[in-house]
Amino acid sequence: MSGKEPIAVLGMGAMGSRMAINFANAGHEVTVWNRTAETARELADAHGFSVATTPREAVNGAAVVVSMVADDEAATAVWLDPENGAMSAMSSSAVGIESSTLTPATVRHLAAEAVERGLTMLEAPVVGSRPQADAGGLFYVVGGDAGVLEEVRSVLEVNAGGIRLVGPMGSAAIMKLAINGLFGIQVAAYGEIAGFLERSDIDTDTAFGILASLPITSPALQRIVGLFGDRQFDPNFPIPLVSKDFRYLGEAAAGLGAEVPISKTAGAVYASMAAGNYGNLDIAGVAMRYLAP
């Protein structure tokens, strides 16, 4: 693909909406679908999208179909619903791209269904959040056929700061869960230590400034530490989704026979916060469990 192919984007959440906007700005004809139709209509009015009432309708005429939804259940429904699923109407020449963070088992199930129907599919979850999506700087980890990736590379590049093929279908899901797990563990650990330091007699700005300046502190964690002091936890990566990803990581690890005790502990922290009054906070809001009132 080298032209301005028509693209369907399924899911108008924080990430899907930004990806669709970037596609439209790059000159692609974009059709969107969202479970909450009003959200899709508002975005369409602002950015010139077409709006479909079902995934099946959205993929009509699309050369590329991108799904960006919350979880396994939503992705399965979007692609496979008997009446309204995308696979029921996709062209055999189209490429489906699943960019949601899912379990590898679900990705493989979707891939098998695609093969059975004579359809082509890649998984391409993204690393990055709203700022990276706004800037077209997401990092794609891709699972599937290398030739199919090359076919849609120019489409992915609209939203990409980097693209890496990691293996067959399901492998990118594992890689994405590993990345999110590592990040979530680090954020929880920094939040815990921030609470410890805040209760000491060390000046908080000094303590947090030292944490942020350490060579072991990545740029992403530097941003997180800055949020601790300001108590600014507007959701770029909401805690309920963090909790979901740790649950999926645990399921995937069990299937592989891998021990992940630290991930289980961190996941339990996020799960307890998601079940409480912290569901509208960013991942950095895990620090609220530890910071002084």
Protein backbone atom coordinates (compact mmCIF):
# COMPACT_ATOMS: atom_id res chain seq x y z
CA MET A 1 0.00 0.00 0.00
CA SER A 2 1.38 3.38 -0.94
CA GLY A 3 -1.60 5.65 -1.49
CA LYS A 4 -4.20 7.15 0.81
CA GLU A 5 -6.11 3.98 1.53
CA PRO A 6 -9.54 4.13 3.17
CA ILE A 7 -9.20 3.15 6.82
CA ALA A 8 -11.76 2.00 9.36
CA VAL A 9 -10.94 2.64 13.02
CA LEU A 10 -12.97 0.68 15.55
CA GLY A 11 -12.97 2.23 19.02
CA MET A 12 -12.87 5.95 19.71
CA GLY A 13 -11.27 5.93 23.13
CA ALA A 14 -8.24 8.00 24.05
CA MET A 15 -5.93 6.15 21.67
CA GLY A 16 -8.21 5.13 18.83
CA SER A 17 -9.55 8.65 18.42
CA ARG A 18 -6.06 10.12 18.20
CA MET A 19 -4.97 7.52 15.68
CA ALA A 20 -8.04 8.27 13.55
CA ILE A 21 -7.32 12.00 13.68
CA ASN A 22 -3.76 11.39 12.52
CA PHE A 23 -4.97 9.18 9.67
CA ALA A 24 -7.40 11.88 8.54
CA ASN A 25 -4.73 14.57 8.79
CA ALA A 26 -2.48 12.42 6.62
CA GLY A 27 -5.11 12.39 3.89
CA HIS A 28 -6.77 9.03 4.44
CA GLU A 29 -10.51 8.59 4.14
CA VAL A 30 -11.49 7.52 7.66
CA THR A 31 -14.62 5.75 8.86
CA VAL A 32 -15.01 5.27 12.59
CA TRP A 33 -17.19 3.22 14.88
CA ASN A 34 -17.58 3.51 18.63
CA ARG A 35 -19.79 1.69 21.10
CA THR A 36 -20.95 5.11 22.35
CA ALA A 37 -22.17 6.61 19.09
CA GLU A 38 -22.27 10.20 20.32
CA THR A 39 -18.52 10.18 20.90
CA ALA A 40 -17.93 9.08 17.33
CA ARG A 41 -20.29 11.72 15.95
CA GLU A 42 -18.60 14.52 17.87
CA LEU A 43 -15.18 13.47 16.57
CA ALA A 44 -16.53 13.08 13.06
CA ASP A 45 -17.97 16.58 13.09
CA ALA A 46 -14.64 18.00 14.24
CA HIS A 47 -12.33 16.00 11.97
CA GLY A 48 -14.28 14.99 8.89
CA PHE A 49 -14.69 11.27 9.59
CA SER A 50 -17.54 9.15 8.38
CA VAL A 51 -19.43 7.40 11.18
CA ALA A 52 -20.69 3.83 11.04
CA THR A 53 -23.32 2.34 13.32
CA THR A 54 -21.62 -1.09 13.51
CA PRO A 55 -18.13 -2.51 12.90
CA ARG A 56 -19.61 -4.42 9.96
CA GLU A 57 -20.74 -1.16 8.38
CA ALA A 58 -17.44 0.58 9.16
CA VAL A 59 -15.30 -1.89 7.22
CA ASN A 60 -17.28 -1.55 4.00
CA GLY A 61 -14.73 -0.45 1.40
CA ALA A 62 -11.86 -0.20 3.90
CA ALA A 63 -8.38 -1.32 2.83
CA VAL A 64 -7.18 -1.32 6.45
CA VAL A 65 -9.22 -1.98 9.58
CA VAL A 66 -7.72 -0.91 12.92
CA SER A 67 -9.20 -2.02 16.24
CA MET A 68 -8.29 -0.18 19.44
CA VAL A 69 -10.59 -1.25 22.26
CA ALA A 70 -10.35 -1.96 25.97
CA ASP A 71 -10.07 -5.71 26.40
CA ASP A 72 -10.48 -9.26 25.09
CA GLU A 73 -14.25 -9.19 25.29
CA ALA A 74 -14.57 -5.95 23.36
CA ALA A 75 -12.09 -7.03 20.69
CA THR A 76 -13.79 -10.38 20.20
CA ALA A 77 -17.16 -8.69 19.77
CA VAL A 78 -15.77 -6.06 17.38
CA TRP A 79 -14.28 -8.66 15.07
CA LEU A 80 -16.49 -11.72 15.48
CA ASP A 81 -20.02 -10.69 16.43
CA PRO A 82 -22.19 -12.85 14.14
CA GLU A 83 -24.36 -9.98 12.97
CA ASN A 84 -22.22 -6.87 13.28
CA GLY A 85 -18.59 -8.01 13.55
CA ALA A 86 -15.93 -6.60 11.25
CA MET A 87 -14.86 -9.98 9.89
CA SER A 88 -18.36 -10.62 8.59
CA ALA A 89 -17.94 -7.89 5.98
CA MET A 90 -14.20 -7.28 5.47
CA SER A 91 -12.85 -7.53 1.96
CA SER A 92 -10.44 -10.39 1.35
CA SER A 93 -7.95 -7.78 0.12
CA ALA A 94 -8.15 -5.74 3.34
CA VAL A 95 -5.78 -6.05 6.29
CA GLY A 96 -7.08 -6.13 9.85
CA ILE A 97 -4.81 -4.65 12.51
CA GLU A 98 -5.54 -5.39 16.16
CA SER A 99 -3.86 -2.69 18.26
CA SER A 100 -5.57 -3.31 21.59
CA THR A 101 -3.70 -4.77 24.56
CA LEU A 102 -5.07 -8.32 24.68
CA THR A 103 -4.12 -11.78 25.87
CA PRO A 104 -2.09 -13.80 23.39
CA ALA A 105 -4.80 -16.47 23.48
CA THR A 106 -7.39 -13.99 22.21
CA VAL A 107 -5.07 -12.69 19.50
CA ARG A 108 -4.41 -16.23 18.29
CA HIS A 109 -8.14 -16.97 18.30
CA LEU A 110 -8.81 -13.89 16.19
CA ALA A 111 -5.98 -14.85 13.84
CA ALA A 112 -7.37 -18.36 13.41
CA GLU A 113 -10.81 -16.95 12.65
CA ALA A 114 -9.30 -14.63 10.07
CA VAL A 115 -7.50 -17.49 8.34
CA GLU A 116 -10.66 -19.58 8.31
CA ARG A 117 -12.50 -16.73 6.60
CA GLY A 118 -9.73 -16.04 4.09
CA LEU A 119 -8.81 -12.72 5.72
CA THR A 120 -5.46 -11.14 6.56
CA MET A 121 -4.59 -9.87 10.03
CA LEU A 122 -1.74 -8.43 12.07
CA GLU A 123 -1.50 -7.58 15.74
CA ALA A 124 0.14 -4.23 16.40
CA PRO A 125 -0.30 -3.01 19.98
CA VAL A 126 1.39 0.26 20.78
CA VAL A 127 3.75 1.51 23.46
CA GLY A 128 3.03 5.09 24.46
CA SER A 129 0.11 7.10 25.68
CA ARG A 130 -1.88 10.18 24.72
CA PRO A 131 1.06 12.57 24.19
CA GLN A 132 2.82 10.08 21.90
CA ALA A 133 -0.42 9.41 20.03
CA ASP A 134 -0.99 13.13 19.53
CA ALA A 135 2.51 13.46 18.09
CA GLY A 136 2.33 10.34 15.91
CA GLY A 137 5.15 8.87 17.97
CA LEU A 138 3.79 5.54 19.17
CA PHE A 139 6.02 2.47 19.14
CA TYR A 140 4.39 -0.53 17.48
CA VAL A 141 5.25 -4.08 18.49
CA VAL A 142 3.95 -6.27 15.69
CA GLY A 143 3.02 -9.92 15.48
CA GLY A 144 2.28 -11.68 12.22
CA ASP A 145 3.65 -12.10 8.73
CA ALA A 146 6.56 -9.87 7.72
CA GLY A 147 5.16 -9.44 4.23
CA VAL A 148 1.83 -8.21 5.57
CA LEU A 149 3.67 -5.76 7.81
CA GLU A 150 5.47 -4.32 4.80
CA GLU A 151 2.14 -4.02 3.00
CA VAL A 152 0.71 -1.77 5.73
CA ARG A 153 3.91 -0.17 7.01
CA SER A 154 3.07 3.20 5.45
CA VAL A 155 -0.28 3.16 7.26
CA LEU A 156 1.30 2.33 10.61
CA GLU A 157 3.95 5.00 10.09
CA VAL A 158 1.28 7.70 10.30
CA ASN A 159 1.12 7.05 14.05
CA ALA A 160 4.54 5.50 14.57
CA GLY A 161 7.79 6.62 16.09
CA GLY A 162 9.03 3.06 15.67
CA ILE A 163 7.86 -0.33 14.39
CA ARG A 164 9.31 -3.71 15.39
CA LEU A 165 8.23 -7.16 14.27
CA VAL A 166 8.61 -9.52 17.22
CA GLY A 167 7.23 -12.82 15.91
CA PRO A 168 4.03 -14.64 14.92
CA MET A 169 0.52 -13.69 15.98
CA GLY A 170 0.31 -13.63 19.78
CA SER A 171 3.95 -12.72 20.33
CA ALA A 172 3.30 -8.98 20.22
CA ALA A 173 0.62 -9.40 22.89
CA ILE A 174 3.17 -11.10 25.12
CA MET A 175 5.72 -8.36 24.44
CA LYS A 176 3.19 -5.61 25.14
CA LEU A 177 2.12 -7.20 28.43
CA ALA A 178 5.78 -7.56 29.42
CA ILE A 179 6.40 -3.87 28.69
CA ASN A 180 3.32 -2.70 30.57
CA GLY A 181 4.14 -5.01 33.45
CA LEU A 182 7.68 -3.70 33.75
CA PHE A 183 6.46 -0.12 33.63
CA GLY A 184 3.68 -0.75 36.14
CA ILE A 185 6.06 -2.43 38.59
CA GLN A 186 8.44 0.52 38.37
CA VAL A 187 5.69 3.10 38.88
CA ALA A 188 4.31 1.22 41.89
CA ALA A 189 7.80 0.93 43.38
CA TYR A 190 8.53 4.62 42.87
CA GLY A 191 5.16 5.50 44.40
CA GLU A 192 5.91 3.38 47.45
CA ILE A 193 9.36 4.92 47.89
CA ALA A 194 7.91 8.42 47.38
CA GLY A 195 5.54 7.79 50.28
CA PHE A 196 8.44 6.60 52.42
CA LEU A 197 10.49 9.70 51.60
CA GLU A 198 7.58 12.09 52.08
CA ARG A 199 7.19 10.90 55.65
CA SER A 200 10.86 11.49 56.43
CA ASP A 201 12.47 14.80 57.42
CA ILE A 202 13.95 15.23 53.92
CA ASP A 203 12.49 18.12 51.95
CA THR A 204 10.02 16.59 49.50
CA ASP A 205 11.17 18.64 46.51
CA THR A 206 14.75 17.64 47.23
CA ALA A 207 13.88 13.97 47.61
CA PHE A 208 11.74 13.79 44.49
CA GLY A 209 14.29 15.84 42.55
CA ILE A 210 17.00 13.33 43.40
CA LEU A 211 14.77 10.43 42.35
CA ALA A 212 14.05 12.13 39.03
CA SER A 213 17.73 12.83 38.33
CA LEU A 214 19.06 9.32 38.93
CA PRO A 215 20.58 7.40 36.01
CA ILE A 216 18.23 4.51 36.83
CA THR A 217 15.20 6.76 36.31
CA SER A 218 13.96 6.66 32.72
CA PRO A 219 12.41 9.72 31.03
CA ALA A 220 8.97 8.15 31.49
CA LEU A 221 9.58 7.69 35.21
CA GLN A 222 10.97 11.22 35.50
CA ARG A 223 7.57 12.44 34.35
CA ILE A 224 5.87 10.15 36.86
CA VAL A 225 7.98 11.40 39.77
CA GLY A 226 7.10 14.96 38.81
CA LEU A 227 3.43 14.09 39.12
CA PHE A 228 3.89 12.76 42.66
CA GLY A 229 4.75 16.15 44.11
CA ASP A 230 2.01 17.96 42.20
CA ARG A 231 -0.63 15.28 42.88
CA GLN A 232 -1.58 15.59 39.20
CA PHE A 233 -2.97 12.26 38.11
CA ASP A 234 -5.18 13.00 35.09
CA PRO A 235 -5.51 9.67 33.29
CA ASN A 236 -3.14 9.05 30.40
CA PHE A 237 -3.04 5.35 31.35
CA PRO A 238 -6.01 4.80 33.69
CA ILE A 239 -5.53 2.51 36.68
CA PRO A 240 -8.35 0.10 35.65
CA LEU A 241 -6.54 -0.61 32.38
CA VAL A 242 -3.26 -1.08 34.24
CA SER A 243 -5.01 -3.59 36.49
CA LYS A 244 -6.45 -5.39 33.47
CA ASP A 245 -3.03 -5.65 31.86
CA PHE A 246 -1.52 -7.19 34.98
CA ARG A 247 -4.36 -9.71 35.05
CA TYR A 248 -3.67 -10.59 31.43
CA LEU A 249 0.06 -10.83 32.15
CA GLY A 250 -0.67 -13.28 34.95
CA GLU A 251 -2.86 -15.40 32.68
CA ALA A 252 -0.24 -15.43 29.93
CA ALA A 253 2.52 -16.28 32.40
CA ALA A 254 0.50 -19.19 33.78
CA GLY A 255 0.07 -20.51 30.26
CA LEU A 256 3.83 -20.37 29.73
CA GLY A 257 4.71 -21.82 33.13
CA ALA A 258 6.55 -18.61 34.04
CA GLU A 259 6.74 -17.35 37.62
CA VAL A 260 5.87 -13.66 38.02
CA PRO A 261 5.56 -13.03 41.77
CA ILE A 262 6.52 -9.35 41.59
CA SER A 263 4.01 -8.77 38.81
CA LYS A 264 1.33 -10.48 40.89
CA THR A 265 2.08 -8.23 43.86
CA ALA A 266 2.03 -5.06 41.77
CA GLY A 267 -1.09 -6.22 39.98
CA ALA A 268 -2.87 -6.71 43.29
CA VAL A 269 -2.05 -3.12 44.27
CA TYR A 270 -3.53 -1.75 41.05
CA ALA A 271 -6.55 -4.05 41.31
CA SER A 272 -7.34 -2.84 44.82
CA MET A 273 -7.10 0.77 43.66
CA ALA A 274 -9.25 0.14 40.60
CA ALA A 275 -11.89 -1.38 42.85
CA GLY A 276 -11.78 1.63 45.18
CA ASN A 277 -12.04 5.33 44.53
CA TYR A 278 -9.05 5.62 42.21
CA GLY A 279 -10.46 4.34 38.93
CA ASN A 280 -10.27 7.76 37.29
CA LEU A 281 -6.57 8.25 38.05
CA ASP A 282 -3.51 7.80 35.87
CA ILE A 283 -1.09 4.96 36.60
CA ALA A 284 0.99 7.49 38.58
CA GLY A 285 -1.95 7.78 40.96
CA VAL A 286 -0.85 4.48 42.49
CA ALA A 287 1.28 6.75 44.69
CA MET A 288 -1.91 7.90 46.44
CA ARG A 289 -1.83 4.58 48.27
CA TYR A 290 1.45 5.63 49.88
CA LEU A 291 1.73 9.43 49.90
CA ALA A 292 0.78 11.39 53.00
CA PRO A 293 -2.81 12.72 52.99
